[in-house]
Amino acid sequence: MFGNMNLGDMGKMLEGMQEQAKKLEEELASRTFTVKTGGGMVRLEMNGKGEVIDLEIDDSLLEDKSSLQILLIAAMNDAVRMVEDNKKHSAMGMLGGLNPFAS
């Protein structure tokens, strides 16, 4: 695969890949993902880095701690899954369809 490449060519190729990875990371960080649970009673927004940036809770849940906990956990898990799926999809696109996540 690398038979005719010299070290300079490989260095340039790796440098290009690092640049692409940095651009991808910046692009992912600028994306936002919104999840609603409990029929919209909890709305959570997360950025592409996996940081929660907004959370809205319906007032009616403030008196029902166990339901609030369940809905918050569901919203966080869904948002994290969306961010991770997006990262995988974006990484596969950068690698030209080569799937590093296949088992």
Protein backbone atom coordinates (compact mmCIF):
# COMPACT_ATOMS: atom_id res chain seq x y z
CA MET A 1 0.00 0.00 0.00
CA PHE A 2 2.83 2.40 0.85
CA GLY A 3 5.40 0.78 -1.44
CA ASN A 4 6.27 3.81 -3.57
CA MET A 5 5.90 6.45 -0.85
CA ASN A 6 8.89 8.10 0.73
CA LEU A 7 8.90 9.51 4.26
CA GLY A 8 8.26 13.04 3.01
CA ASP A 9 5.12 11.94 1.18
CA MET A 10 3.87 10.06 4.24
CA GLY A 11 4.57 13.10 6.41
CA LYS A 12 2.55 15.32 4.07
CA MET A 13 -0.26 12.78 4.02
CA LEU A 14 -0.33 12.61 7.84
CA GLU A 15 -0.20 16.39 8.07
CA GLY A 16 -3.18 16.62 5.73
CA MET A 17 -5.09 14.09 7.81
CA GLN A 18 -4.33 16.06 10.98
CA GLU A 19 -5.66 19.22 9.34
CA GLN A 20 -8.82 17.40 8.28
CA ALA A 21 -9.27 16.00 11.79
CA LYS A 22 -8.90 19.48 13.31
CA LYS A 23 -11.46 20.94 10.89
CA LEU A 24 -13.82 18.06 11.64
CA GLU A 25 -13.45 18.62 15.39
CA GLU A 26 -14.24 22.33 14.97
CA GLU A 27 -17.24 21.54 12.78
CA LEU A 28 -18.55 18.98 15.27
CA ALA A 29 -18.15 21.43 18.17
CA SER A 30 -20.32 23.98 16.35
CA ARG A 31 -23.24 21.56 15.88
CA THR A 32 -26.09 21.31 18.35
CA PHE A 33 -28.37 18.38 19.08
CA THR A 34 -31.76 18.73 20.75
CA VAL A 35 -33.60 15.92 22.50
CA LYS A 36 -37.08 15.98 24.01
CA THR A 37 -38.43 13.39 26.44
CA GLY A 38 -41.70 12.97 28.26
CA GLY A 39 -43.68 14.45 25.42
CA GLY A 40 -41.52 17.57 25.48
CA MET A 41 -41.57 18.01 29.26
CA VAL A 42 -37.76 17.87 29.24
CA ARG A 43 -35.71 19.43 26.44
CA LEU A 44 -31.94 19.05 26.43
CA GLU A 45 -29.52 20.65 24.00
CA MET A 46 -25.96 19.39 23.61
CA ASN A 47 -23.12 20.56 21.40
CA GLY A 48 -21.00 18.29 19.22
CA LYS A 49 -18.36 18.03 21.93
CA GLY A 50 -20.90 16.39 24.23
CA GLU A 51 -21.39 19.41 26.49
CA VAL A 52 -24.89 20.25 27.71
CA ILE A 53 -25.61 23.82 26.62
CA ASP A 54 -29.29 24.17 27.51
CA LEU A 55 -31.90 22.37 29.59
CA GLU A 56 -35.60 23.13 29.95
CA ILE A 57 -37.84 21.36 32.47
CA ASP A 58 -41.61 21.69 32.57
CA ASP A 59 -42.72 23.14 35.91
CA SER A 60 -45.08 20.21 36.53
CA LEU A 61 -42.06 17.90 36.91
CA LEU A 62 -40.61 19.91 39.79
CA GLU A 63 -42.94 18.15 42.23
CA ASP A 64 -42.27 14.65 40.83
CA LYS A 65 -38.61 13.93 41.50
CA SER A 66 -38.57 10.31 40.28
CA SER A 67 -40.21 11.15 36.94
CA LEU A 68 -37.84 14.10 36.51
CA GLN A 69 -34.83 11.86 37.14
CA ILE A 70 -36.03 9.25 34.64
CA LEU A 71 -36.70 11.85 31.94
CA LEU A 72 -33.36 13.61 32.52
CA ILE A 73 -31.45 10.33 32.26
CA ALA A 74 -33.32 9.41 29.07
CA ALA A 75 -32.66 12.83 27.54
CA MET A 76 -28.95 12.76 28.41
CA ASN A 77 -28.49 9.23 27.08
CA ASP A 78 -30.31 10.07 23.83
CA ALA A 79 -28.27 13.25 23.34
CA VAL A 80 -24.95 11.49 24.01
CA ARG A 81 -25.92 8.75 21.54
CA MET A 82 -26.76 11.37 18.89
CA VAL A 83 -23.41 13.13 19.39
CA GLU A 84 -21.46 9.84 19.23
CA ASP A 85 -23.34 8.66 16.12
CA ASN A 86 -22.62 11.99 14.47
CA LYS A 87 -18.91 11.74 15.33
CA LYS A 88 -18.71 8.22 13.89
CA HIS A 89 -20.58 9.21 10.74
CA SER A 90 -18.36 12.27 10.25
CA ALA A 91 -15.17 10.28 10.86
CA MET A 92 -16.22 7.65 8.32
CA GLY A 93 -16.85 10.42 5.78
CA MET A 94 -13.39 11.85 6.43
CA LEU A 95 -11.83 8.40 5.95
CA GLY A 96 -13.59 7.95 2.63
CA GLY A 97 -15.94 5.23 3.79
CA LEU A 98 -13.31 3.12 5.58
CA ASN A 99 -15.12 2.09 8.76
CA PRO A 100 -12.72 2.02 11.75
CA PHE A 101 -15.66 1.23 14.05
CA ALA A 102 -16.62 -2.06 12.43
CA SER A 103 -16.17 -5.08 14.65
